[in-house]
Amino acid sequence: MPHPPHPRQRPRLALVRGLAPRFALIITDKRLDPAEHISCTDDTVDVHYPETHIRCRLRRLMSDRLLCSLRVTHIAPDGSVQMPHHMDLILVGAPGTPAQRETLVQHFHAYHCAAAASRIRAATRGPRQERSPRPYCDHTIPAAA
């Protein structure tokens, strides 16, 4: 006996909350194309490049001010993680305006470029040569008595 057809279920609505979805348009920015992963969920924007991971936590300070706490972790070529760098930005205006999105994209792109340049420098650096010790120099400045 054939089973009766199931009534078609309606898709569930995704619960969108937080400030980060207002910045979701940054995902389409060409400067972020090298990123392996970008997400804008709740109050966090995450951008992961092969050489650096950037997390931006968003918090409303006042009706027209937004605190963006950036945490940047650089990944060495051997996969080890370096000490994270922290920076706070205060953006003015309603959350997610084009000017605020542009500011975040500029910072993400700058951190990515700095990490990529650091990797290139590390890869092209020759072996360090032993330096001879410098002669002792006294940098005492005489003071009037």
C-alpha atoms as a PDB file:
ATOM      1  CA  MET A   1       0.000   0.000   0.000  1.00  0.00           C
ATOM      2  CA  PRO A   2       1.581   3.312  -1.027  1.00  0.00           C
ATOM      3  CA  HIS A   3       2.216   5.929   1.601  1.00  0.00           C
ATOM      4  CA  PRO A   4       0.174   9.081   1.410  1.00  0.00           C
ATOM      5  CA  PRO A   5       2.181  12.092   0.281  1.00  0.00           C
ATOM      6  CA  HIS A   6       3.516  14.217   3.105  1.00  0.00           C
ATOM      7  CA  PRO A   7       2.337  17.771   3.183  1.00  0.00           C
ATOM      8  CA  ARG A   8       5.062  20.071   2.017  1.00  0.00           C
ATOM      9  CA  GLN A   9       6.817  21.620   4.989  1.00  0.00           C
ATOM     10  CA  ARG A  10       7.463  25.305   5.033  1.00  0.00           C
ATOM     11  CA  PRO A  11      11.101  26.259   5.449  1.00  0.00           C
ATOM     12  CA  ARG A  12      11.981  27.608   8.851  1.00  0.00           C
ATOM     13  CA  LEU A  13      12.994  31.197   9.023  1.00  0.00           C
ATOM     14  CA  ALA A  14      16.586  31.788  10.035  1.00  0.00           C
ATOM     15  CA  LEU A  15      16.875  33.878  13.129  1.00  0.00           C
ATOM     16  CA  VAL A  16      19.027  36.866  12.235  1.00  0.00           C
ATOM     17  CA  ARG A  17      20.238  38.777  15.237  1.00  0.00           C
ATOM     18  CA  GLY A  18      23.131  40.954  16.249  1.00  0.00           C
ATOM     19  CA  LEU A  19      25.064  43.691  14.497  1.00  0.00           C
ATOM     20  CA  ALA A  20      27.279  41.617  12.180  1.00  0.00           C
ATOM     21  CA  PRO A  21      24.619  40.786   9.538  1.00  0.00           C
ATOM     22  CA  ARG A  22      24.498  44.516   8.769  1.00  0.00           C
ATOM     23  CA  PHE A  23      28.076  44.155   7.510  1.00  0.00           C
ATOM     24  CA  ALA A  24      27.386  41.095   5.317  1.00  0.00           C
ATOM     25  CA  LEU A  25      27.908  43.064   2.088  1.00  0.00           C
ATOM     26  CA  ILE A  26      31.662  43.056   2.766  1.00  0.00           C
ATOM     27  CA  ILE A  27      31.665  39.419   1.659  1.00  0.00           C
ATOM     28  CA  THR A  28      31.359  40.558  -1.969  1.00  0.00           C
ATOM     29  CA  ASP A  29      34.252  43.047  -1.790  1.00  0.00           C
ATOM     30  CA  LYS A  30      37.042  42.104  -4.230  1.00  0.00           C
ATOM     31  CA  ARG A  31      39.755  43.025  -1.711  1.00  0.00           C
ATOM     32  CA  LEU A  32      38.590  40.115   0.454  1.00  0.00           C
ATOM     33  CA  ASP A  33      38.709  37.548  -2.388  1.00  0.00           C
ATOM     34  CA  PRO A  34      41.878  35.865  -1.031  1.00  0.00           C
ATOM     35  CA  ALA A  35      40.032  35.025   2.215  1.00  0.00           C
ATOM     36  CA  GLU A  36      39.241  31.356   2.758  1.00  0.00           C
ATOM     37  CA  HIS A  37      36.305  32.102   5.058  1.00  0.00           C
ATOM     38  CA  ILE A  38      34.186  35.156   5.866  1.00  0.00           C
ATOM     39  CA  SER A  39      31.228  35.154   8.218  1.00  0.00           C
ATOM     40  CA  CYS A  40      28.996  37.828   9.696  1.00  0.00           C
ATOM     41  CA  THR A  41      26.977  36.233  12.490  1.00  0.00           C
ATOM     42  CA  ASP A  42      25.530  37.628  15.691  1.00  0.00           C
ATOM     43  CA  ASP A  43      27.975  40.330  16.822  1.00  0.00           C
ATOM     44  CA  THR A  44      31.103  38.883  15.179  1.00  0.00           C
ATOM     45  CA  VAL A  45      32.723  39.306  11.768  1.00  0.00           C
ATOM     46  CA  ASP A  46      35.366  36.651  11.028  1.00  0.00           C
ATOM     47  CA  VAL A  47      37.793  36.779   8.093  1.00  0.00           C
ATOM     48  CA  HIS A  48      40.280  33.911   7.682  1.00  0.00           C
ATOM     49  CA  TYR A  49      43.193  34.130   5.276  1.00  0.00           C
ATOM     50  CA  PRO A  50      45.875  31.437   4.980  1.00  0.00           C
ATOM     51  CA  GLU A  51      48.345  33.727   6.797  1.00  0.00           C
ATOM     52  CA  THR A  52      46.080  35.514   9.269  1.00  0.00           C
ATOM     53  CA  HIS A  53      42.776  35.182  11.098  1.00  0.00           C
ATOM     54  CA  ILE A  54      40.830  38.320  11.975  1.00  0.00           C
ATOM     55  CA  ARG A  55      37.913  38.475  14.380  1.00  0.00           C
ATOM     56  CA  CYS A  56      35.923  41.671  14.836  1.00  0.00           C
ATOM     57  CA  ARG A  57      33.500  41.856  17.765  1.00  0.00           C
ATOM     58  CA  LEU A  58      30.873  44.561  17.446  1.00  0.00           C
ATOM     59  CA  ARG A  59      29.209  46.369  20.336  1.00  0.00           C
ATOM     60  CA  ARG A  60      26.907  49.355  20.277  1.00  0.00           C
ATOM     61  CA  LEU A  61      28.177  52.086  22.597  1.00  0.00           C
ATOM     62  CA  MET A  62      25.511  54.704  21.953  1.00  0.00           C
ATOM     63  CA  SER A  63      22.867  55.184  19.342  1.00  0.00           C
ATOM     64  CA  ASP A  64      25.465  56.572  16.917  1.00  0.00           C
ATOM     65  CA  ARG A  65      28.693  54.836  18.022  1.00  0.00           C
ATOM     66  CA  LEU A  66      29.907  51.304  17.396  1.00  0.00           C
ATOM     67  CA  LEU A  67      32.920  49.662  19.057  1.00  0.00           C
ATOM     68  CA  CYS A  68      34.806  47.258  16.793  1.00  0.00           C
ATOM     69  CA  SER A  69      37.303  45.143  18.744  1.00  0.00           C
ATOM     70  CA  LEU A  70      39.717  43.544  16.275  1.00  0.00           C
ATOM     71  CA  ARG A  71      41.791  40.514  17.205  1.00  0.00           C
ATOM     72  CA  VAL A  72      44.351  39.536  14.581  1.00  0.00           C
ATOM     73  CA  THR A  73      46.327  36.307  14.750  1.00  0.00           C
ATOM     74  CA  HIS A  74      49.124  35.729  12.246  1.00  0.00           C
ATOM     75  CA  ILE A  75      49.896  32.189  11.140  1.00  0.00           C
ATOM     76  CA  ALA A  76      53.559  31.379  10.433  1.00  0.00           C
ATOM     77  CA  PRO A  77      54.443  29.310   7.343  1.00  0.00           C
ATOM     78  CA  ASP A  78      55.096  26.300   9.611  1.00  0.00           C
ATOM     79  CA  GLY A  79      51.521  26.595  10.974  1.00  0.00           C
ATOM     80  CA  SER A  80      52.463  28.011  14.355  1.00  0.00           C
ATOM     81  CA  VAL A  81      50.386  30.837  15.749  1.00  0.00           C
ATOM     82  CA  GLN A  82      51.937  34.135  16.790  1.00  0.00           C
ATOM     83  CA  MET A  83      50.748  36.375  19.613  1.00  0.00           C
ATOM     84  CA  PRO A  84      47.444  37.996  18.678  1.00  0.00           C
ATOM     85  CA  HIS A  85      47.261  41.722  18.038  1.00  0.00           C
ATOM     86  CA  HIS A  86      44.327  43.712  19.463  1.00  0.00           C
ATOM     87  CA  MET A  87      42.921  46.990  18.249  1.00  0.00           C
ATOM     88  CA  ASP A  88      39.703  48.872  19.020  1.00  0.00           C
ATOM     89  CA  LEU A  89      37.972  51.127  16.520  1.00  0.00           C
ATOM     90  CA  ILE A  90      35.046  53.400  17.256  1.00  0.00           C
ATOM     91  CA  LEU A  91      32.845  53.961  14.228  1.00  0.00           C
ATOM     92  CA  VAL A  92      30.271  56.748  14.090  1.00  0.00           C
ATOM     93  CA  GLY A  93      26.834  56.368  12.523  1.00  0.00           C
ATOM     94  CA  ALA A  94      24.199  53.675  12.240  1.00  0.00           C
ATOM     95  CA  PRO A  95      25.724  50.159  12.252  1.00  0.00           C
ATOM     96  CA  GLY A  96      26.501  48.770   8.808  1.00  0.00           C
ATOM     97  CA  THR A  97      26.654  51.997   6.810  1.00  0.00           C
ATOM     98  CA  PRO A  98      28.755  51.957   3.630  1.00  0.00           C
ATOM     99  CA  ALA A  99      31.429  54.085   5.341  1.00  0.00           C
ATOM    100  CA  GLN A 100      31.680  51.641   8.264  1.00  0.00           C
ATOM    101  CA  ARG A 101      31.856  48.636   5.926  1.00  0.00           C
ATOM    102  CA  GLU A 102      34.614  50.365   3.959  1.00  0.00           C
ATOM    103  CA  THR A 103      36.576  51.059   7.146  1.00  0.00           C
ATOM    104  CA  LEU A 104      36.411  47.399   8.194  1.00  0.00           C
ATOM    105  CA  VAL A 105      37.365  46.155   4.720  1.00  0.00           C
ATOM    106  CA  GLN A 106      40.358  48.524   4.663  1.00  0.00           C
ATOM    107  CA  HIS A 107      41.562  47.185   8.028  1.00  0.00           C
ATOM    108  CA  PHE A 108      41.030  43.541   7.036  1.00  0.00           C
ATOM    109  CA  HIS A 109      42.883  44.120   3.767  1.00  0.00           C
ATOM    110  CA  ALA A 110      45.761  45.941   5.499  1.00  0.00           C
ATOM    111  CA  TYR A 111      46.230  43.125   8.033  1.00  0.00           C
ATOM    112  CA  HIS A 112      46.169  40.560   5.232  1.00  0.00           C
ATOM    113  CA  CYS A 113      48.764  42.492   3.187  1.00  0.00           C
ATOM    114  CA  ALA A 114      51.029  42.932   6.231  1.00  0.00           C
ATOM    115  CA  ALA A 115      50.877  39.215   7.053  1.00  0.00           C
ATOM    116  CA  ALA A 116      51.531  38.216   3.439  1.00  0.00           C
ATOM    117  CA  ALA A 117      54.510  40.597   3.230  1.00  0.00           C
ATOM    118  CA  SER A 118      55.880  39.210   6.490  1.00  0.00           C
ATOM    119  CA  ARG A 119      55.691  35.678   5.092  1.00  0.00           C
ATOM    120  CA  ILE A 120      57.509  36.736   1.930  1.00  0.00           C
ATOM    121  CA  ARG A 121      60.250  38.426   3.957  1.00  0.00           C
ATOM    122  CA  ALA A 122      60.644  35.316   6.112  1.00  0.00           C
ATOM    123  CA  ALA A 123      60.809  33.054   3.054  1.00  0.00           C
ATOM    124  CA  THR A 124      63.423  35.157   1.250  1.00  0.00           C
ATOM    125  CA  ARG A 125      65.618  35.915   4.245  1.00  0.00           C
ATOM    126  CA  GLY A 126      69.013  34.277   4.020  1.00  0.00           C
ATOM    127  CA  PRO A 127      70.656  32.480   6.909  1.00  0.00           C
ATOM    128  CA  ARG A 128      71.756  34.816   9.674  1.00  0.00           C
ATOM    129  CA  GLN A 129      75.454  35.385  10.017  1.00  0.00           C
ATOM    130  CA  GLU A 130      77.043  35.626  13.423  1.00  0.00           C
ATOM    131  CA  ARG A 131      77.759  39.211  14.310  1.00  0.00           C
ATOM    132  CA  SER A 132      80.896  40.194  16.090  1.00  0.00           C
ATOM    133  CA  PRO A 133      80.192  41.885  19.410  1.00  0.00           C
ATOM    134  CA  ARG A 134      80.253  45.651  19.318  1.00  0.00           C
ATOM    135  CA  PRO A 135      82.921  47.429  21.292  1.00  0.00           C
ATOM    136  CA  TYR A 136      81.726  48.907  24.550  1.00  0.00           C
ATOM    137  CA  CYS A 137      80.541  52.505  24.297  1.00  0.00           C
ATOM    138  CA  ASP A 138      79.731  54.710  27.249  1.00  0.00           C
ATOM    139  CA  HIS A 139      76.787  56.984  26.502  1.00  0.00           C
ATOM    140  CA  THR A 140      76.960  58.906  29.751  1.00  0.00           C
ATOM    141  CA  ILE A 141      76.106  62.558  29.335  1.00  0.00           C
ATOM    142  CA  PRO A 142      77.946  64.895  31.680  1.00  0.00           C
ATOM    143  CA  ALA A 143      75.637  67.086  33.771  1.00  0.00           C
ATOM    144  CA  ALA A 144      76.477  70.480  35.233  1.00  0.00           C
ATOM    145  CA  ALA A 145      77.043  70.402  38.965  1.00  0.00           C
END
